[in-house]
Amino acid sequence: MQQKAERNRKELGGKANNLIDLVGYQEGSVVSRTIISKKTGTVTLFAFAKDQGLSEHTAPFDALVYLLDGEAEILISGKPHHLRAGEMIIMPANEPHALRAANKFKMLLIMIRA
């Protein structure tokens, strides 16, 4: 993953980029692209095809999700949150969370480890 992040840094660094165009949808899949990967945190783009998602899990760090396109259902500690493009939510550390795409969506995930 570190090599890909370094390639992305060289490709994307020092110029304006449209986040929504940096990751594409793929039918029946979840596509991800790591933009920054450091010891202190990561910035990753995701594109979720319809009916795709991430099963419930926990992470030891807070994570910020910002929806770039579409709509998503995000469960945090069993409570559903319906997000639309332009909205964000923080998934608190050590709380179970899951994501589901009723329709396709793209998101930016920022995880801070320090």
C-alpha atoms as a PDB file:
ATOM      1  CA  MET A   1       0.000   0.000   0.000  1.00  0.00           C
ATOM      2  CA  GLN A   2       2.890   2.378   0.752  1.00  0.00           C
ATOM      3  CA  GLN A   3       4.170   2.131  -2.858  1.00  0.00           C
ATOM      4  CA  LYS A   4       0.739   2.980  -4.271  1.00  0.00           C
ATOM      5  CA  ALA A   5       0.422   5.920  -1.895  1.00  0.00           C
ATOM      6  CA  GLU A   6       3.839   7.186  -2.998  1.00  0.00           C
ATOM      7  CA  ARG A   7       2.827   6.883  -6.668  1.00  0.00           C
ATOM      8  CA  ASN A   8      -0.389   8.771  -5.900  1.00  0.00           C
ATOM      9  CA  ARG A   9       1.563  11.489  -4.072  1.00  0.00           C
ATOM     10  CA  LYS A  10       3.781  11.989  -7.119  1.00  0.00           C
ATOM     11  CA  GLU A  11       0.844  11.887  -9.549  1.00  0.00           C
ATOM     12  CA  LEU A  12      -1.506  14.092  -7.539  1.00  0.00           C
ATOM     13  CA  GLY A  13       0.848  16.320  -5.545  1.00  0.00           C
ATOM     14  CA  GLY A  14       1.192  19.999  -6.306  1.00  0.00           C
ATOM     15  CA  LYS A  15      -1.892  20.338  -8.498  1.00  0.00           C
ATOM     16  CA  ALA A  16      -5.658  20.637  -8.168  1.00  0.00           C
ATOM     17  CA  ASN A  17      -7.570  17.348  -8.342  1.00  0.00           C
ATOM     18  CA  ASN A  18     -11.270  16.539  -8.355  1.00  0.00           C
ATOM     19  CA  LEU A  19     -11.731  13.832  -5.700  1.00  0.00           C
ATOM     20  CA  ILE A  20     -14.869  12.406  -7.267  1.00  0.00           C
ATOM     21  CA  ASP A  21     -12.960  11.615 -10.475  1.00  0.00           C
ATOM     22  CA  LEU A  22     -10.043   9.832  -8.768  1.00  0.00           C
ATOM     23  CA  VAL A  23     -11.927   6.582  -8.123  1.00  0.00           C
ATOM     24  CA  GLY A  24     -14.429   4.870 -10.395  1.00  0.00           C
ATOM     25  CA  TYR A  25     -17.383   2.585  -9.851  1.00  0.00           C
ATOM     26  CA  GLN A  26     -17.048  -1.092 -10.691  1.00  0.00           C
ATOM     27  CA  GLU A  27     -20.219  -3.182 -10.793  1.00  0.00           C
ATOM     28  CA  GLY A  28     -20.486  -5.623  -7.895  1.00  0.00           C
ATOM     29  CA  SER A  29     -17.383  -4.257  -6.162  1.00  0.00           C
ATOM     30  CA  VAL A  30     -15.904  -1.849  -3.683  1.00  0.00           C
ATOM     31  CA  VAL A  31     -13.017   0.104  -5.204  1.00  0.00           C
ATOM     32  CA  SER A  32     -10.502   1.964  -3.060  1.00  0.00           C
ATOM     33  CA  ARG A  33      -7.595   4.289  -3.720  1.00  0.00           C
ATOM     34  CA  THR A  34      -5.213   5.346  -0.972  1.00  0.00           C
ATOM     35  CA  ILE A  35      -4.226   8.974  -1.445  1.00  0.00           C
ATOM     36  CA  ILE A  36      -2.044   9.400   1.657  1.00  0.00           C
ATOM     37  CA  SER A  37      -0.666   6.720   3.960  1.00  0.00           C
ATOM     38  CA  LYS A  38       1.432   7.815   6.928  1.00  0.00           C
ATOM     39  CA  LYS A  39       2.084   6.501  10.434  1.00  0.00           C
ATOM     40  CA  THR A  40      -0.198   9.264  11.698  1.00  0.00           C
ATOM     41  CA  GLY A  41      -3.130   8.440   9.423  1.00  0.00           C
ATOM     42  CA  THR A  42      -4.585   7.689   6.015  1.00  0.00           C
ATOM     43  CA  VAL A  43      -6.748   9.356   3.386  1.00  0.00           C
ATOM     44  CA  THR A  44      -8.581   6.878   1.163  1.00  0.00           C
ATOM     45  CA  LEU A  45     -11.217   7.211  -1.556  1.00  0.00           C
ATOM     46  CA  PHE A  46     -13.877   4.518  -1.976  1.00  0.00           C
ATOM     47  CA  ALA A  47     -16.481   3.778  -4.647  1.00  0.00           C
ATOM     48  CA  PHE A  48     -19.217   1.333  -3.592  1.00  0.00           C
ATOM     49  CA  ALA A  49     -21.370  -0.323  -6.222  1.00  0.00           C
ATOM     50  CA  LYS A  50     -25.070  -0.824  -5.442  1.00  0.00           C
ATOM     51  CA  ASP A  51     -25.672  -3.428  -2.707  1.00  0.00           C
ATOM     52  CA  GLN A  52     -21.999  -3.446  -1.670  1.00  0.00           C
ATOM     53  CA  GLY A  53     -20.684  -2.494   1.747  1.00  0.00           C
ATOM     54  CA  LEU A  54     -18.343  -3.161   4.614  1.00  0.00           C
ATOM     55  CA  SER A  55     -19.476  -5.547   7.320  1.00  0.00           C
ATOM     56  CA  GLU A  56     -19.567  -4.475  10.937  1.00  0.00           C
ATOM     57  CA  HIS A  57     -16.134  -3.949  12.460  1.00  0.00           C
ATOM     58  CA  THR A  58     -14.293  -1.671  14.871  1.00  0.00           C
ATOM     59  CA  ALA A  59     -11.188   0.456  14.485  1.00  0.00           C
ATOM     60  CA  PRO A  60      -8.920   1.780  17.238  1.00  0.00           C
ATOM     61  CA  PHE A  61      -9.030   5.327  15.818  1.00  0.00           C
ATOM     62  CA  ASP A  62     -11.674   7.897  14.909  1.00  0.00           C
ATOM     63  CA  ALA A  63     -12.513   8.009  11.201  1.00  0.00           C
ATOM     64  CA  LEU A  64     -14.203  10.780   9.261  1.00  0.00           C
ATOM     65  CA  VAL A  65     -16.394   9.798   6.314  1.00  0.00           C
ATOM     66  CA  TYR A  66     -17.305  12.458   3.737  1.00  0.00           C
ATOM     67  CA  LEU A  67     -19.753  11.459   0.988  1.00  0.00           C
ATOM     68  CA  LEU A  68     -18.738  12.730  -2.436  1.00  0.00           C
ATOM     69  CA  ASP A  69     -21.503  11.133  -4.512  1.00  0.00           C
ATOM     70  CA  GLY A  70     -24.707   9.163  -3.982  1.00  0.00           C
ATOM     71  CA  GLU A  71     -26.197   8.022  -0.688  1.00  0.00           C
ATOM     72  CA  ALA A  72     -25.052   5.608   2.012  1.00  0.00           C
ATOM     73  CA  GLU A  73     -26.339   4.005   5.158  1.00  0.00           C
ATOM     74  CA  ILE A  74     -23.758   3.954   7.931  1.00  0.00           C
ATOM     75  CA  LEU A  75     -24.462   2.028  11.117  1.00  0.00           C
ATOM     76  CA  ILE A  76     -22.617   3.150  14.241  1.00  0.00           C
ATOM     77  CA  SER A  77     -23.217   1.034  17.346  1.00  0.00           C
ATOM     78  CA  GLY A  78     -26.385  -0.271  15.687  1.00  0.00           C
ATOM     79  CA  LYS A  79     -27.820   3.193  14.960  1.00  0.00           C
ATOM     80  CA  PRO A  80     -28.454   3.911  11.240  1.00  0.00           C
ATOM     81  CA  HIS A  81     -27.344   7.189   9.661  1.00  0.00           C
ATOM     82  CA  HIS A  82     -28.433   8.055   6.116  1.00  0.00           C
ATOM     83  CA  LEU A  83     -25.878  10.288   4.399  1.00  0.00           C
ATOM     84  CA  ARG A  84     -26.083  12.102   1.074  1.00  0.00           C
ATOM     85  CA  ALA A  85     -23.380  13.708  -1.047  1.00  0.00           C
ATOM     86  CA  GLY A  86     -21.867  16.663   0.773  1.00  0.00           C
ATOM     87  CA  GLU A  87     -22.486  15.247   4.261  1.00  0.00           C
ATOM     88  CA  MET A  88     -20.000  13.772   6.708  1.00  0.00           C
ATOM     89  CA  ILE A  89     -19.973  11.717   9.872  1.00  0.00           C
ATOM     90  CA  ILE A  90     -17.330  10.723  12.384  1.00  0.00           C
ATOM     91  CA  MET A  91     -17.159   7.047  13.257  1.00  0.00           C
ATOM     92  CA  PRO A  92     -15.788   7.022  16.819  1.00  0.00           C
ATOM     93  CA  ALA A  93     -12.888   4.781  17.770  1.00  0.00           C
ATOM     94  CA  ASN A  94     -13.770   1.350  19.175  1.00  0.00           C
ATOM     95  CA  GLU A  95     -17.468   1.606  18.252  1.00  0.00           C
ATOM     96  CA  PRO A  96     -18.794  -1.019  15.827  1.00  0.00           C
ATOM     97  CA  HIS A  97     -19.710   0.395  12.443  1.00  0.00           C
ATOM     98  CA  ALA A  98     -20.764  -0.828   9.000  1.00  0.00           C
ATOM     99  CA  LEU A  99     -21.496   0.745   5.604  1.00  0.00           C
ATOM    100  CA  ARG A 100     -24.053  -0.222   2.978  1.00  0.00           C
ATOM    101  CA  ALA A 101     -24.835   1.090  -0.491  1.00  0.00           C
ATOM    102  CA  ALA A 102     -28.558   0.998  -1.258  1.00  0.00           C
ATOM    103  CA  ASN A 103     -27.392   2.791  -4.414  1.00  0.00           C
ATOM    104  CA  LYS A 104     -23.838   3.459  -5.508  1.00  0.00           C
ATOM    105  CA  PHE A 105     -21.810   6.051  -3.601  1.00  0.00           C
ATOM    106  CA  LYS A 106     -18.314   7.481  -3.308  1.00  0.00           C
ATOM    107  CA  MET A 107     -16.690   8.580  -0.075  1.00  0.00           C
ATOM    108  CA  LEU A 108     -13.505   9.983   1.333  1.00  0.00           C
ATOM    109  CA  LEU A 109     -12.271   8.263   4.508  1.00  0.00           C
ATOM    110  CA  ILE A 110      -9.825  10.109   6.733  1.00  0.00           C
ATOM    111  CA  MET A 111      -8.366   8.155   9.650  1.00  0.00           C
ATOM    112  CA  ILE A 112      -6.143   9.931  12.149  1.00  0.00           C
ATOM    113  CA  ARG A 113      -3.970   7.661  14.272  1.00  0.00           C
ATOM    114  CA  ALA A 114      -2.289  10.240  16.488  1.00  0.00           C
END
